[in-house]
C-alpha atoms as a PDB file:
ATOM      1  CA  MET A   1      24.065  18.588 -78.845  1.00  0.00           C
ATOM      2  CA  SER A   2      23.918  14.834 -78.299  1.00  0.00           C
ATOM      3  CA  TYR A   3      26.639  13.177 -76.238  1.00  0.00           C
ATOM      4  CA  VAL A   4      24.676  10.284 -74.718  1.00  0.00           C
ATOM      5  CA  SER A   5      23.918   7.064 -76.606  1.00  0.00           C
ATOM      6  CA  ALA A   6      21.067   5.196 -74.936  1.00  0.00           C
ATOM      7  CA  GLY A   7      22.110   1.857 -73.503  1.00  0.00           C
ATOM      8  CA  ARG A   8      25.778   2.401 -74.272  1.00  0.00           C
ATOM      9  CA  GLU A   9      28.915   3.313 -72.374  1.00  0.00           C
ATOM     10  CA  TYR A  10      30.533   6.591 -73.369  1.00  0.00           C
ATOM     11  CA  ALA A  11      33.611   6.161 -75.581  1.00  0.00           C
ATOM     12  CA  ARG A  12      35.797   9.145 -76.372  1.00  0.00           C
ATOM     13  CA  ASP A  13      36.863   9.598 -79.992  1.00  0.00           C
ATOM     14  CA  ASP A  14      40.650   9.527 -79.674  1.00  0.00           C
ATOM     15  CA  ARG A  15      41.534   9.767 -83.370  1.00  0.00           C
ATOM     16  CA  TYR A  16      43.744  12.809 -82.967  1.00  0.00           C
ATOM     17  CA  LEU A  17      46.079  14.538 -85.401  1.00  0.00           C
ATOM     18  CA  THR A  18      49.365  13.262 -84.029  1.00  0.00           C
ATOM     19  CA  THR A  19      51.798  15.352 -86.061  1.00  0.00           C
ATOM     20  CA  ARG A  20      54.357  16.778 -83.646  1.00  0.00           C
ATOM     21  CA  ILE A  21      56.188  20.076 -83.414  1.00  0.00           C
ATOM     22  CA  THR A  22      59.726  19.144 -82.418  1.00  0.00           C
ATOM     23  CA  ALA A  23      63.128  20.713 -81.960  1.00  0.00           C
ATOM     24  CA  ASP A  24      64.497  18.791 -84.952  1.00  0.00           C
ATOM     25  CA  GLY A  25      61.383  19.250 -87.102  1.00  0.00           C
ATOM     26  CA  ARG A  26      61.230  15.553 -87.971  1.00  0.00           C
ATOM     27  CA  ASP A  27      57.496  15.748 -88.779  1.00  0.00           C
ATOM     28  CA  GLY A  28      58.013  18.829 -90.920  1.00  0.00           C
ATOM     29  CA  PHE A  29      57.138  21.294 -88.172  1.00  0.00           C
ATOM     30  CA  PRO A  30      60.183  22.582 -86.285  1.00  0.00           C
ATOM     31  CA  VAL A  31      59.861  24.617 -83.105  1.00  0.00           C
ATOM     32  CA  GLU A  32      59.926  28.263 -84.199  1.00  0.00           C
ATOM     33  CA  PRO A  33      58.979  31.217 -81.997  1.00  0.00           C
ATOM     34  CA  GLY A  34      55.884  32.984 -83.321  1.00  0.00           C
ATOM     35  CA  ARG A  35      55.135  30.472 -86.085  1.00  0.00           C
ATOM     36  CA  TYR A  36      52.309  28.646 -84.312  1.00  0.00           C
ATOM     37  CA  ARG A  37      49.125  29.625 -82.505  1.00  0.00           C
ATOM     38  CA  LEU A  38      47.781  27.624 -79.569  1.00  0.00           C
ATOM     39  CA  VAL A  39      43.992  27.597 -79.776  1.00  0.00           C
ATOM     40  CA  VAL A  40      42.228  26.871 -76.483  1.00  0.00           C
ATOM     41  CA  SER A  41      39.019  27.337 -74.574  1.00  0.00           C
ATOM     42  CA  ARG A  42      39.250  28.081 -70.873  1.00  0.00           C
ATOM     43  CA  ALA A  43      36.149  25.916 -70.460  1.00  0.00           C
ATOM     44  CA  CYS A  44      37.886  22.745 -71.641  1.00  0.00           C
ATOM     45  CA  PRO A  45      39.972  20.699 -69.170  1.00  0.00           C
ATOM     46  CA  TRP A  46      42.162  19.247 -71.933  1.00  0.00           C
ATOM     47  CA  ALA A  47      42.957  22.716 -73.282  1.00  0.00           C
ATOM     48  CA  SER A  48      43.494  24.065 -69.765  1.00  0.00           C
ATOM     49  CA  ARG A  49      46.429  21.696 -69.361  1.00  0.00           C
ATOM     50  CA  ALA A  50      48.183  23.445 -72.236  1.00  0.00           C
ATOM     51  CA  VAL A  51      47.317  26.899 -70.858  1.00  0.00           C
ATOM     52  CA  ILE A  52      48.860  26.035 -67.485  1.00  0.00           C
ATOM     53  CA  VAL A  53      51.992  24.364 -68.863  1.00  0.00           C
ATOM     54  CA  ARG A  54      52.597  27.193 -71.343  1.00  0.00           C
ATOM     55  CA  ARG A  55      52.407  29.723 -68.489  1.00  0.00           C
ATOM     56  CA  LEU A  56      54.548  27.727 -66.058  1.00  0.00           C
ATOM     57  CA  LEU A  57      57.265  27.350 -68.702  1.00  0.00           C
ATOM     58  CA  GLY A  58      57.083  30.981 -69.828  1.00  0.00           C
ATOM     59  CA  LEU A  59      56.214  30.259 -73.455  1.00  0.00           C
ATOM     60  CA  GLU A  60      53.669  33.057 -73.862  1.00  0.00           C
ATOM     61  CA  ARG A  61      55.784  35.146 -76.234  1.00  0.00           C
ATOM     62  CA  VAL A  62      57.006  32.291 -78.427  1.00  0.00           C
ATOM     63  CA  LEU A  63      53.659  30.457 -78.631  1.00  0.00           C
ATOM     64  CA  PRO A  64      50.820  33.022 -78.818  1.00  0.00           C
ATOM     65  CA  MET A  65      47.385  31.882 -77.713  1.00  0.00           C
ATOM     66  CA  ALA A  66      43.888  32.254 -79.147  1.00  0.00           C
ATOM     67  CA  VAL A  67      40.976  31.829 -76.738  1.00  0.00           C
ATOM     68  CA  ALA A  68      37.721  30.528 -78.198  1.00  0.00           C
ATOM     69  CA  GLY A  69      34.420  31.276 -76.520  1.00  0.00           C
ATOM     70  CA  PRO A  70      32.988  28.816 -73.996  1.00  0.00           C
ATOM     71  CA  VAL A  71      29.977  27.737 -76.077  1.00  0.00           C
ATOM     72  CA  HIS A  72      30.069  25.918 -79.403  1.00  0.00           C
ATOM     73  CA  ASP A  73      27.644  24.101 -81.681  1.00  0.00           C
ATOM     74  CA  ASP A  74      27.901  20.984 -83.863  1.00  0.00           C
ATOM     75  CA  ARG A  75      30.215  22.795 -86.265  1.00  0.00           C
ATOM     76  CA  SER A  76      32.946  23.852 -83.862  1.00  0.00           C
ATOM     77  CA  TRP A  77      34.410  26.305 -81.399  1.00  0.00           C
ATOM     78  CA  THR A  78      34.069  29.955 -82.405  1.00  0.00           C
ATOM     79  CA  PHE A  79      36.129  33.086 -81.828  1.00  0.00           C
ATOM     80  CA  ASP A  80      33.197  35.110 -80.560  1.00  0.00           C
ATOM     81  CA  LEU A  81      35.323  36.729 -77.834  1.00  0.00           C
ATOM     82  CA  ASP A  82      37.337  38.591 -80.479  1.00  0.00           C
ATOM     83  CA  PRO A  83      36.254  41.795 -82.242  1.00  0.00           C
ATOM     84  CA  GLY A  84      34.113  40.909 -85.236  1.00  0.00           C
ATOM     85  CA  GLY A  85      33.988  37.288 -84.143  1.00  0.00           C
ATOM     86  CA  ARG A  86      37.274  36.442 -85.883  1.00  0.00           C
ATOM     87  CA  ASP A  87      40.646  35.426 -84.513  1.00  0.00           C
ATOM     88  CA  PRO A  88      42.818  38.481 -85.264  1.00  0.00           C
ATOM     89  CA  VAL A  89      45.795  36.405 -86.413  1.00  0.00           C
ATOM     90  CA  LEU A  90      44.208  33.455 -88.219  1.00  0.00           C
ATOM     91  CA  GLY A  91      41.342  35.539 -89.582  1.00  0.00           C
ATOM     92  CA  ILE A  92      38.798  32.752 -89.075  1.00  0.00           C
ATOM     93  CA  GLU A  93      35.437  32.634 -87.305  1.00  0.00           C
ATOM     94  CA  ARG A  94      35.470  28.941 -86.450  1.00  0.00           C
ATOM     95  CA  LEU A  95      38.263  26.570 -85.526  1.00  0.00           C
ATOM     96  CA  ARG A  96      36.734  24.157 -88.029  1.00  0.00           C
ATOM     97  CA  GLU A  97      38.231  26.263 -90.816  1.00  0.00           C
ATOM     98  CA  ALA A  98      41.768  25.435 -89.673  1.00  0.00           C
ATOM     99  CA  TYR A  99      40.950  21.723 -89.541  1.00  0.00           C
ATOM    100  CA  LEU A 100      39.518  21.769 -93.051  1.00  0.00           C
ATOM    101  CA  ALA A 101      42.565  23.669 -94.262  1.00  0.00           C
ATOM    102  CA  ARG A 102      44.607  20.697 -93.059  1.00  0.00           C
ATOM    103  CA  ASP A 103      42.220  18.127 -94.564  1.00  0.00           C
ATOM    104  CA  PRO A 104      39.122  19.158 -96.570  1.00  0.00           C
ATOM    105  CA  ALA A 105      37.612  15.730 -95.812  1.00  0.00           C
ATOM    106  CA  TYR A 106      38.328  15.920 -92.063  1.00  0.00           C
ATOM    107  CA  ASP A 107      35.542  14.043 -90.254  1.00  0.00           C
ATOM    108  CA  ARG A 108      36.771  13.798 -86.672  1.00  0.00           C
ATOM    109  CA  GLY A 109      36.339  15.992 -83.622  1.00  0.00           C
ATOM    110  CA  ILE A 110      37.015  19.729 -83.859  1.00  0.00           C
ATOM    111  CA  THR A 111      38.763  19.833 -80.505  1.00  0.00           C
ATOM    112  CA  VAL A 112      40.900  22.093 -78.356  1.00  0.00           C
ATOM    113  CA  PRO A 113      43.714  22.444 -77.680  1.00  0.00           C
ATOM    114  CA  ALA A 114      44.854  22.703 -81.267  1.00  0.00           C
ATOM    115  CA  VAL A 115      48.131  24.104 -82.525  1.00  0.00           C
ATOM    116  CA  VAL A 116      47.780  25.924 -85.844  1.00  0.00           C
ATOM    117  CA  ASP A 117      50.575  26.709 -88.277  1.00  0.00           C
ATOM    118  CA  VAL A 118      49.983  30.420 -88.868  1.00  0.00           C
ATOM    119  CA  PRO A 119      51.594  30.705 -92.350  1.00  0.00           C
ATOM    120  CA  THR A 120      49.310  28.013 -93.788  1.00  0.00           C
ATOM    121  CA  GLY A 121      46.336  28.340 -91.403  1.00  0.00           C
ATOM    122  CA  ARG A 122      46.347  24.568 -90.917  1.00  0.00           C
ATOM    123  CA  VAL A 123      46.012  22.613 -87.685  1.00  0.00           C
ATOM    124  CA  VAL A 124      49.238  20.766 -86.950  1.00  0.00           C
ATOM    125  CA  THR A 125      48.070  18.761 -83.947  1.00  0.00           C
ATOM    126  CA  ASN A 126      45.225  18.366 -81.488  1.00  0.00           C
ATOM    127  CA  ASP A 127      46.871  15.519 -79.565  1.00  0.00           C
ATOM    128  CA  PHE A 128      46.305  17.117 -76.158  1.00  0.00           C
ATOM    129  CA  ALA A 129      48.326  14.582 -74.164  1.00  0.00           C
ATOM    130  CA  GLN A 130      51.412  14.962 -76.351  1.00  0.00           C
ATOM    131  CA  ILE A 131      51.168  18.733 -76.729  1.00  0.00           C
ATOM    132  CA  THR A 132      52.009  19.456 -73.091  1.00  0.00           C
ATOM    133  CA  LEU A 133      54.847  16.916 -72.990  1.00  0.00           C
ATOM    134  CA  ASP A 134      56.338  18.492 -76.087  1.00  0.00           C
ATOM    135  CA  LEU A 135      56.086  21.949 -74.530  1.00  0.00           C
ATOM    136  CA  SER A 136      58.279  20.621 -71.720  1.00  0.00           C
ATOM    137  CA  VAL A 137      60.758  18.676 -73.854  1.00  0.00           C
ATOM    138  CA  GLU A 138      60.825  19.997 -77.423  1.00  0.00           C
ATOM    139  CA  TRP A 139      60.400  23.695 -76.606  1.00  0.00           C
ATOM    140  CA  ARG A 140      63.050  23.662 -73.860  1.00  0.00           C
ATOM    141  CA  ALA A 141      65.324  26.155 -75.637  1.00  0.00           C
ATOM    142  CA  HIS A 142      62.597  28.770 -75.240  1.00  0.00           C
ATOM    143  CA  HIS A 143      61.628  28.166 -71.602  1.00  0.00           C
ATOM    144  CA  ARG A 144      61.854  31.137 -69.290  1.00  0.00           C
ATOM    145  CA  GLU A 145      64.739  31.347 -66.859  1.00  0.00           C
ATOM    146  CA  GLY A 146      63.669  29.451 -63.739  1.00  0.00           C
ATOM    147  CA  ALA A 147      61.063  27.312 -65.519  1.00  0.00           C
ATOM    148  CA  PRO A 148      60.188  24.166 -63.551  1.00  0.00           C
ATOM    149  CA  GLU A 149      60.939  20.616 -64.688  1.00  0.00           C
ATOM    150  CA  LEU A 150      57.418  19.352 -65.289  1.00  0.00           C
ATOM    151  CA  TYR A 151      58.542  16.135 -66.977  1.00  0.00           C
ATOM    152  CA  PRO A 152      61.962  15.303 -65.496  1.00  0.00           C
ATOM    153  CA  PRO A 153      63.665  12.314 -67.161  1.00  0.00           C
ATOM    154  CA  ALA A 154      64.212  10.422 -63.909  1.00  0.00           C
ATOM    155  CA  LEU A 155      60.490  10.503 -63.073  1.00  0.00           C
ATOM    156  CA  ARG A 156      58.944  10.059 -66.517  1.00  0.00           C
ATOM    157  CA  SER A 157      57.992   6.404 -66.177  1.00  0.00           C
ATOM    158  CA  ARG A 158      56.209   7.077 -62.884  1.00  0.00           C
ATOM    159  CA  ILE A 159      54.530  10.223 -64.231  1.00  0.00           C
ATOM    160  CA  ASP A 160      53.331   8.250 -67.262  1.00  0.00           C
ATOM    161  CA  GLU A 161      51.922   5.535 -65.002  1.00  0.00           C
ATOM    162  CA  VAL A 162      50.057   8.020 -62.794  1.00  0.00           C
ATOM    163  CA  ASN A 163      48.796   9.921 -65.829  1.00  0.00           C
ATOM    164  CA  ALA A 164      47.368   6.745 -67.364  1.00  0.00           C
ATOM    165  CA  GLU A 165      45.475   5.856 -64.176  1.00  0.00           C
ATOM    166  CA  VAL A 166      44.197   9.396 -63.662  1.00  0.00           C
ATOM    167  CA  TYR A 167      43.106   9.710 -67.284  1.00  0.00           C
ATOM    168  CA  ARG A 168      41.220   6.424 -67.293  1.00  0.00           C
ATOM    169  CA  ASP A 169      39.423   6.800 -63.987  1.00  0.00           C
ATOM    170  CA  VAL A 170      39.278  10.554 -63.300  1.00  0.00           C
ATOM    171  CA  ASN A 171      39.892  12.854 -66.296  1.00  0.00           C
ATOM    172  CA  ASN A 172      37.825  10.700 -68.643  1.00  0.00           C
ATOM    173  CA  GLY A 173      35.993   8.956 -65.818  1.00  0.00           C
ATOM    174  CA  VAL A 174      33.798  11.968 -65.080  1.00  0.00           C
ATOM    175  CA  TYR A 175      32.723  11.982 -68.731  1.00  0.00           C
ATOM    176  CA  ARG A 176      32.031   8.252 -68.657  1.00  0.00           C
ATOM    177  CA  ALA A 177      29.698   8.905 -65.734  1.00  0.00           C
ATOM    178  CA  GLY A 178      28.111  12.035 -67.170  1.00  0.00           C
ATOM    179  CA  PHE A 179      27.506  10.622 -70.646  1.00  0.00           C
ATOM    180  CA  ALA A 180      26.617   7.069 -69.596  1.00  0.00           C
ATOM    181  CA  GLY A 181      23.739   5.646 -71.589  1.00  0.00           C
ATOM    182  CA  SER A 182      22.688   3.062 -69.001  1.00  0.00           C
ATOM    183  CA  GLN A 183      22.545   2.684 -65.251  1.00  0.00           C
ATOM    184  CA  GLU A 184      25.149  -0.077 -65.429  1.00  0.00           C
ATOM    185  CA  ALA A 185      27.602   2.020 -67.429  1.00  0.00           C
ATOM    186  CA  TYR A 186      27.126   4.911 -65.016  1.00  0.00           C
ATOM    187  CA  ALA A 187      27.696   2.661 -61.988  1.00  0.00           C
ATOM    188  CA  ARG A 188      30.955   1.331 -63.420  1.00  0.00           C
ATOM    189  CA  ALA A 189      32.275   4.806 -64.131  1.00  0.00           C
ATOM    190  CA  TYR A 190      31.130   6.125 -60.750  1.00  0.00           C
ATOM    191  CA  GLU A 191      32.828   3.322 -58.808  1.00  0.00           C
ATOM    192  CA  SER A 192      36.081   3.602 -60.770  1.00  0.00           C
ATOM    193  CA  LEU A 193      36.155   7.369 -60.332  1.00  0.00           C
ATOM    194  CA  PHE A 194      35.750   7.378 -56.581  1.00  0.00           C
ATOM    195  CA  ALA A 195      38.002   4.365 -56.023  1.00  0.00           C
ATOM    196  CA  ARG A 196      40.754   6.260 -57.819  1.00  0.00           C
ATOM    197  CA  LEU A 197      40.065   9.509 -55.966  1.00  0.00           C
ATOM    198  CA  ASP A 198      40.253   7.616 -52.670  1.00  0.00           C
ATOM    199  CA  ALA A 199      43.605   6.106 -53.668  1.00  0.00           C
ATOM    200  CA  LEU A 200      44.928   9.509 -54.706  1.00  0.00           C
ATOM    201  CA  ALA A 201      43.803  10.991 -51.384  1.00  0.00           C
ATOM    202  CA  ARG A 202      45.644   8.302 -49.451  1.00  0.00           C
ATOM    203  CA  HIS A 203      48.821   9.074 -51.368  1.00  0.00           C
ATOM    204  CA  LEU A 204      48.426  12.830 -51.002  1.00  0.00           C
ATOM    205  CA  GLU A 205      47.969  12.544 -47.225  1.00  0.00           C
ATOM    206  CA  ARG A 206      51.723  12.045 -47.001  1.00  0.00           C
ATOM    207  CA  SER A 207      52.981  13.680 -50.198  1.00  0.00           C
ATOM    208  CA  ARG A 208      52.392  17.257 -51.274  1.00  0.00           C
ATOM    209  CA  TYR A 209      52.495  16.352 -54.972  1.00  0.00           C
ATOM    210  CA  LEU A 210      51.700  13.267 -57.033  1.00  0.00           C
ATOM    211  CA  VAL A 211      55.223  12.361 -58.166  1.00  0.00           C
ATOM    212  CA  GLY A 212      58.329  13.547 -56.361  1.00  0.00           C
ATOM    213  CA  ASP A 213      58.504  16.712 -54.271  1.00  0.00           C
ATOM    214  CA  THR A 214      57.741  19.277 -56.975  1.00  0.00           C
ATOM    215  CA  ILE A 215      54.898  20.055 -59.371  1.00  0.00           C
ATOM    216  CA  THR A 216      54.957  17.828 -62.447  1.00  0.00           C
ATOM    217  CA  GLU A 217      52.814  17.127 -65.489  1.00  0.00           C
ATOM    218  CA  ALA A 218      50.845  14.689 -63.319  1.00  0.00           C
ATOM    219  CA  ASP A 219      49.630  17.462 -61.022  1.00  0.00           C
ATOM    220  CA  VAL A 220      48.586  19.618 -63.974  1.00  0.00           C
ATOM    221  CA  ARG A 221      46.472  16.811 -65.408  1.00  0.00           C
ATOM    222  CA  LEU A 222      44.686  16.007 -62.157  1.00  0.00           C
ATOM    223  CA  PHE A 223      44.139  19.677 -61.292  1.00  0.00           C
ATOM    224  CA  THR A 224      42.123  20.488 -64.394  1.00  0.00           C
ATOM    225  CA  THR A 225      39.520  17.885 -63.395  1.00  0.00           C
ATOM    226  CA  LEU A 226      39.494  18.756 -59.696  1.00  0.00           C
ATOM    227  CA  VAL A 227      39.005  22.480 -60.324  1.00  0.00           C
ATOM    228  CA  ARG A 228      35.841  21.672 -62.311  1.00  0.00           C
ATOM    229  CA  PHE A 229      34.508  19.085 -59.898  1.00  0.00           C
ATOM    230  CA  ASP A 230      32.125  21.025 -57.700  1.00  0.00           C
ATOM    231  CA  ALA A 231      31.190  23.536 -60.406  1.00  0.00           C
ATOM    232  CA  VAL A 232      30.092  20.950 -62.974  1.00  0.00           C
ATOM    233  CA  TYR A 233      30.992  17.304 -62.430  1.00  0.00           C
ATOM    234  CA  HIS A 234      29.342  16.839 -59.043  1.00  0.00           C
ATOM    235  CA  GLY A 235      25.868  17.805 -60.233  1.00  0.00           C
ATOM    236  CA  HIS A 236      25.887  17.964 -64.029  1.00  0.00           C
ATOM    237  CA  PHE A 237      27.749  14.654 -64.447  1.00  0.00           C
ATOM    238  CA  LYS A 238      26.171  12.984 -61.363  1.00  0.00           C
ATOM    239  CA  CYS A 239      29.569  12.439 -59.691  1.00  0.00           C
ATOM    240  CA  ASN A 240      27.901  13.159 -56.401  1.00  0.00           C
ATOM    241  CA  ARG A 241      29.205  10.867 -53.702  1.00  0.00           C
ATOM    242  CA  ARG A 242      30.521  14.026 -52.117  1.00  0.00           C
ATOM    243  CA  LYS A 243      31.826  17.396 -53.250  1.00  0.00           C
ATOM    244  CA  LEU A 244      35.519  18.062 -53.583  1.00  0.00           C
ATOM    245  CA  ALA A 245      35.107  20.627 -50.797  1.00  0.00           C
ATOM    246  CA  GLU A 246      33.892  17.749 -48.570  1.00  0.00           C
ATOM    247  CA  THR A 247      36.996  15.645 -49.290  1.00  0.00           C
ATOM    248  CA  PRO A 248      39.650  17.147 -46.993  1.00  0.00           C
ATOM    249  CA  VAL A 249      42.905  15.907 -48.550  1.00  0.00           C
ATOM    250  CA  LEU A 250      41.965  16.417 -52.198  1.00  0.00           C
ATOM    251  CA  TRP A 251      40.357  19.768 -51.429  1.00  0.00           C
ATOM    252  CA  ALA A 252      43.508  21.018 -49.683  1.00  0.00           C
ATOM    253  CA  TYR A 253      45.688  19.662 -52.524  1.00  0.00           C
ATOM    254  CA  ALA A 254      43.521  21.383 -55.139  1.00  0.00           C
ATOM    255  CA  ARG A 255      43.608  24.683 -53.205  1.00  0.00           C
ATOM    256  CA  ASP A 256      47.382  24.430 -52.899  1.00  0.00           C
ATOM    257  CA  LEU A 257      47.700  24.169 -56.678  1.00  0.00           C
ATOM    258  CA  PHE A 258      45.023  26.801 -57.326  1.00  0.00           C
ATOM    259  CA  GLN A 259      46.948  29.308 -55.204  1.00  0.00           C
ATOM    260  CA  THR A 260      50.213  28.482 -57.009  1.00  0.00           C
ATOM    261  CA  PRO A 261      51.021  30.996 -59.791  1.00  0.00           C
ATOM    262  CA  GLY A 262      50.231  29.428 -63.149  1.00  0.00           C
ATOM    263  CA  PHE A 263      47.235  27.402 -61.988  1.00  0.00           C
ATOM    264  CA  GLY A 264      44.356  29.373 -60.490  1.00  0.00           C
ATOM    265  CA  ASP A 265      45.190  32.499 -62.445  1.00  0.00           C
ATOM    266  CA  THR A 266      44.300  30.643 -65.662  1.00  0.00           C
ATOM    267  CA  VAL A 267      40.889  29.361 -64.455  1.00  0.00           C
ATOM    268  CA  ASP A 268      37.666  30.950 -65.690  1.00  0.00           C
ATOM    269  CA  PHE A 269      34.728  29.516 -63.728  1.00  0.00           C
ATOM    270  CA  ASP A 270      32.181  31.448 -65.783  1.00  0.00           C
ATOM    271  CA  HIS A 271      33.411  29.860 -69.016  1.00  0.00           C
ATOM    272  CA  ILE A 272      33.529  26.427 -67.390  1.00  0.00           C
ATOM    273  CA  LYS A 273      29.921  26.548 -66.193  1.00  0.00           C
ATOM    274  CA  ARG A 274      28.509  28.124 -69.334  1.00  0.00           C
ATOM    275  CA  HIS A 275      30.150  25.505 -71.513  1.00  0.00           C
ATOM    276  CA  TYR A 276      28.986  22.389 -69.702  1.00  0.00           C
ATOM    277  CA  TYR A 277      25.475  23.506 -68.821  1.00  0.00           C
ATOM    278  CA  THR A 278      24.756  25.102 -72.199  1.00  0.00           C
ATOM    279  CA  VAL A 279      26.426  22.780 -74.711  1.00  0.00           C
ATOM    280  CA  HIS A 280      25.349  19.467 -73.156  1.00  0.00           C
ATOM    281  CA  ASP A 281      21.668  20.000 -73.855  1.00  0.00           C
ATOM    282  CA  ASP A 282      20.897  16.278 -73.851  1.00  0.00           C
ATOM    283  CA  ILE A 283      21.623  16.158 -70.109  1.00  0.00           C
ATOM    284  CA  ASN A 284      20.609  19.755 -69.299  1.00  0.00           C
ATOM    285  CA  PRO A 285      17.839  20.547 -71.805  1.00  0.00           C
ATOM    286  CA  THR A 286      16.796  23.798 -70.097  1.00  0.00           C
ATOM    287  CA  GLY A 287      20.248  25.299 -70.532  1.00  0.00           C
ATOM    288  CA  ILE A 288      20.026  26.855 -67.072  1.00  0.00           C
ATOM    289  CA  VAL A 289      23.471  27.647 -65.664  1.00  0.00           C
ATOM    290  CA  PRO A 290      23.655  27.266 -61.858  1.00  0.00           C
ATOM    291  CA  ALA A 291      24.501  30.354 -59.829  1.00  0.00           C
ATOM    292  CA  GLY A 292      26.813  28.442 -57.458  1.00  0.00           C
ATOM    293  CA  PRO A 293      28.941  27.110 -56.017  1.00  0.00           C
ATOM    294  CA  ASP A 294      30.535  29.689 -53.735  1.00  0.00           C
ATOM    295  CA  LEU A 295      34.112  30.129 -55.009  1.00  0.00           C
ATOM    296  CA  SER A 296      35.595  31.863 -51.979  1.00  0.00           C
ATOM    297  CA  GLY A 297      36.842  28.581 -50.507  1.00  0.00           C
ATOM    298  CA  TRP A 298      39.494  28.322 -53.204  1.00  0.00           C
ATOM    299  CA  LEU A 299      41.409  31.086 -51.448  1.00  0.00           C
ATOM    300  CA  GLU A 300      41.299  29.571 -47.952  1.00  0.00           C
ATOM    301  CA  PRO A 301      44.597  28.401 -46.359  1.00  0.00           C
ATOM    302  CA  HIS A 302      45.534  24.837 -47.308  1.00  0.00           C
ATOM    303  CA  ASP A 303      48.450  24.088 -44.937  1.00  0.00           C
ATOM    304  CA  ARG A 304      49.997  21.720 -47.508  1.00  0.00           C
ATOM    305  CA  ALA A 305      53.424  23.300 -47.131  1.00  0.00           C
ATOM    306  CA  GLU A 306      53.757  21.318 -43.880  1.00  0.00           C
ATOM    307  CA  LEU A 307      54.316  18.229 -46.049  1.00  0.00           C
ATOM    308  CA  GLY A 308      57.469  19.775 -47.506  1.00  0.00           C
ATOM    309  CA  GLY A 309      58.143  19.892 -51.190  1.00  0.00           C
ATOM    310  CA  ARG A 310      59.039  22.849 -53.364  1.00  0.00           C
ATOM    311  CA  PRO A 311      56.469  23.786 -55.990  1.00  0.00           C
ATOM    312  CA  PHE A 312      59.027  24.850 -58.614  1.00  0.00           C
ATOM    313  CA  GLY A 313      62.013  22.840 -57.449  1.00  0.00           C
ATOM    314  CA  ASP A 314      65.156  24.829 -58.150  1.00  0.00           C
ATOM    315  CA  GLY A 315      63.147  27.164 -60.358  1.00  0.00           C
ATOM    316  CA  THR A 316      60.917  30.138 -59.710  1.00  0.00           C
ATOM    317  CA  PRO A 317      57.232  31.020 -60.091  1.00  0.00           C
ATOM    318  CA  PRO A 318      56.076  32.606 -63.342  1.00  0.00           C
ATOM    319  CA  GLY A 319      55.585  36.359 -63.354  1.00  0.00           C
ATOM    320  CA  PRO A 320      52.251  38.173 -63.510  1.00  0.00           C
ATOM    321  CA  VAL A 321      49.735  37.175 -66.147  1.00  0.00           C
ATOM    322  CA  ALA A 322      49.920  39.342 -69.271  1.00  0.00           C
ATOM    323  CA  ALA A 323      47.170  41.940 -69.383  1.00  0.00           C
ATOM    324  CA  ASP A 324      45.620  40.491 -72.535  1.00  0.00           C
ATOM    325  CA  GLU A 325      45.436  36.999 -70.996  1.00  0.00           C
ATOM    326  CA  THR A 326      44.040  37.925 -67.588  1.00  0.00           C
ATOM    327  CA  VAL A 327      40.845  36.142 -66.578  1.00  0.00           C
ATOM    328  CA  PRO A 328      38.131  38.690 -65.688  1.00  0.00           C
ATOM    329  CA  ALA A 329      37.935  39.101 -61.912  1.00  0.00           C
ATOM    330  CA  ALA A 330      34.193  38.422 -61.998  1.00  0.00           C
ATOM    331  CA  HIS A 331      34.959  34.915 -63.307  1.00  0.00           C
ATOM    332  CA  THR A 332      37.286  34.050 -60.408  1.00  0.00           C
ATOM    333  CA  PRO A 333      37.121  33.743 -56.601  1.00  0.00           C
ATOM    334  CA  LEU A 334      38.538  37.249 -56.403  1.00  0.00           C
ATOM    335  CA  GLY A 335      35.464  38.605 -58.122  1.00  0.00           C
ATOM    336  CA  GLY A 336      33.003  36.903 -55.823  1.00  0.00           C
END
């Protein structure tokens, strides 16, 4: 699949379906337990945000999840992990079918995460940035007891500011480097990425979390890029000034989050590597998936608790992962 345009800077297609699912149903889609299906891929950093937030808030029962396979083609993500290659609830083979049910002339990206209205089989939204905020705010009545405040009102302006910087330079910055169509475009993305990572490291030297003294939406958004950094972005996307594991503060911060219930227990390194190295055949034409890196370091002590802070504030950690949503041990540091 082609992602690189020769001589051009990478530009993400951000024409998302911005219909919202809200407590008051003002867009025609009220919050209703069991009505919607969250479609994700564990390979995708944007979808992984929704997986983490859903688990931290305890929304598993009210918002069931469909997991697409890690590899897709030009047509869309597929449900090849399910028996018969079909999602058992939506009854479709490809996510594209739910987009076309919404709009038969749909000509934009078939992306995850996507929230599908089960009764109609239509995608409601794929606006990944808004989806997780709405899970915190609009779905509040269905949060588990002890759910953390990931988007507290008093900190929202600061969280929004940090999120905008991290998205521009880090979350999307790695893609701007990896899919750059010229040396100049690559250099700009590379410099912006590492300037931002350096600034984040300076802040995190004295603060356990990005905003305030608890985990917030900002930490979720940075984590999903950091956890993929050494496995794919360092080599595959040429973001190779140094590995995350060679950056002491950010590496300790990432390990702290990884070892926090709700973060690392949602990460599937096998899916991550197979997606990037197989799908992006214009920058990895052989399709060879690297054997490394060694994942055992993710479980090493991080000593971040010395900075203070309380991961869940006045709340509590989520319980064990449901059996049908557990990442295979072989795809995690636990499996070697």
